[in-house]
């Protein structure tokens, strides 16, 4: 299975606008790809949704929960890109 790390902007676009970014999330839900996400990506995602799009904390928490359902959390001394490269090698 292909492991993919998406920038926080892809998640934001998927949730606000749909289109190709949402198709990527749907591929993960269907088990076609594995999404890797880090705390840093989730924090940036939350900040932009709160500050730019005026999402409530409850809606942000719900969105993060939905994203985590379809993702593998990476971290612990690795950034998301390096963890994906290690799992591919």
Protein backbone atom coordinates (compact mmCIF):
# COMPACT_ATOMS: atom_id res chain seq x y z
CA UNK A 1 0.00 0.00 0.00
CA UNK A 2 1.22 3.48 -0.82
CA UNK A 3 1.90 5.73 2.17
CA UNK A 4 1.14 9.42 1.65
CA UNK A 5 1.79 12.47 3.81
CA UNK A 6 -0.45 15.40 2.95
CA UNK A 7 0.16 19.03 3.79
CA UNK A 8 -2.36 20.57 6.17
CA UNK A 9 -3.69 22.68 3.28
CA UNK A 10 -4.89 19.52 1.51
CA UNK A 11 -7.01 18.55 4.53
CA UNK A 12 -8.32 22.11 4.82
CA UNK A 13 -9.23 22.21 1.13
CA UNK A 14 -10.89 18.79 1.31
CA UNK A 15 -13.13 19.84 4.19
CA UNK A 16 -13.97 23.30 2.88
CA UNK A 17 -14.10 22.83 -0.89
CA UNK A 18 -14.06 19.12 -1.80
CA UNK A 19 -12.62 18.28 -5.22
CA UNK A 20 -9.31 16.42 -5.67
CA UNK A 21 -8.25 16.89 -2.02
CA UNK A 22 -11.44 15.17 -0.85
CA UNK A 23 -10.83 12.38 -3.36
CA UNK A 24 -7.48 11.73 -1.64
CA UNK A 25 -9.21 11.39 1.74
CA UNK A 26 -11.76 9.07 0.16
CA UNK A 27 -8.97 6.89 -1.23
CA UNK A 28 -7.72 6.46 2.34
CA UNK A 29 -11.21 5.60 3.56
CA UNK A 30 -11.43 2.97 0.83
CA UNK A 31 -8.07 1.50 1.85
CA UNK A 32 -6.36 2.38 -1.43
CA UNK A 33 -3.69 4.56 0.23
CA UNK A 34 -2.42 5.04 3.77
CA UNK A 35 -2.27 8.60 5.07
CA UNK A 36 0.43 9.51 7.59
CA UNK A 37 -0.18 12.57 9.76
CA UNK A 38 1.86 14.26 12.49
CA UNK A 39 0.94 16.39 15.48
CA UNK A 40 2.44 19.39 13.66
CA UNK A 41 0.11 18.88 10.68
CA UNK A 42 -2.92 18.50 12.98
CA UNK A 43 -1.98 21.64 14.93
CA UNK A 44 -1.51 23.71 11.78
CA UNK A 45 -4.77 22.34 10.38
CA UNK A 46 -6.63 23.32 13.57
CA UNK A 47 -5.12 26.80 13.68
CA UNK A 48 -6.06 27.63 10.09
CA UNK A 49 -9.60 26.29 10.46
CA UNK A 50 -10.03 28.32 13.65
CA UNK A 51 -8.37 31.56 12.56
CA UNK A 52 -9.12 31.79 8.85
CA UNK A 53 -12.35 29.83 8.49
CA UNK A 54 -13.81 30.54 11.95
CA UNK A 55 -14.54 26.90 12.74
CA UNK A 56 -15.57 26.18 16.32
CA UNK A 57 -13.29 24.13 18.55
CA UNK A 58 -15.93 21.37 18.57
CA UNK A 59 -16.06 21.24 14.77
CA UNK A 60 -12.25 21.18 14.59
CA UNK A 61 -12.08 18.33 17.10
CA UNK A 62 -14.67 16.40 15.06
CA UNK A 63 -12.69 16.96 11.86
CA UNK A 64 -9.43 15.87 13.51
CA UNK A 65 -11.15 12.74 14.80
CA UNK A 66 -12.42 11.94 11.30
CA UNK A 67 -8.96 12.47 9.82
CA UNK A 68 -7.31 10.29 12.44
CA UNK A 69 -9.78 7.49 11.66
CA UNK A 70 -8.23 7.25 8.19
CA UNK A 71 -4.58 8.00 9.08
CA UNK A 72 -1.54 6.63 10.83
CA UNK A 73 -0.06 9.09 13.30
CA UNK A 74 3.68 9.54 12.93
CA UNK A 75 6.12 11.37 15.14
CA UNK A 76 8.47 10.71 18.00
CA UNK A 77 11.58 12.29 16.55
CA UNK A 78 10.55 11.85 12.94
CA UNK A 79 8.77 14.28 10.75
CA UNK A 80 5.99 12.91 8.59
CA UNK A 81 8.06 12.93 5.40
CA UNK A 82 10.95 10.97 6.88
CA UNK A 83 8.63 8.43 8.49
CA UNK A 84 6.94 7.82 5.13
CA UNK A 85 10.27 7.36 3.42
CA UNK A 86 11.41 4.89 6.09
CA UNK A 87 8.24 2.82 5.76
CA UNK A 88 8.66 2.72 1.99
CA UNK A 89 12.27 1.51 2.22
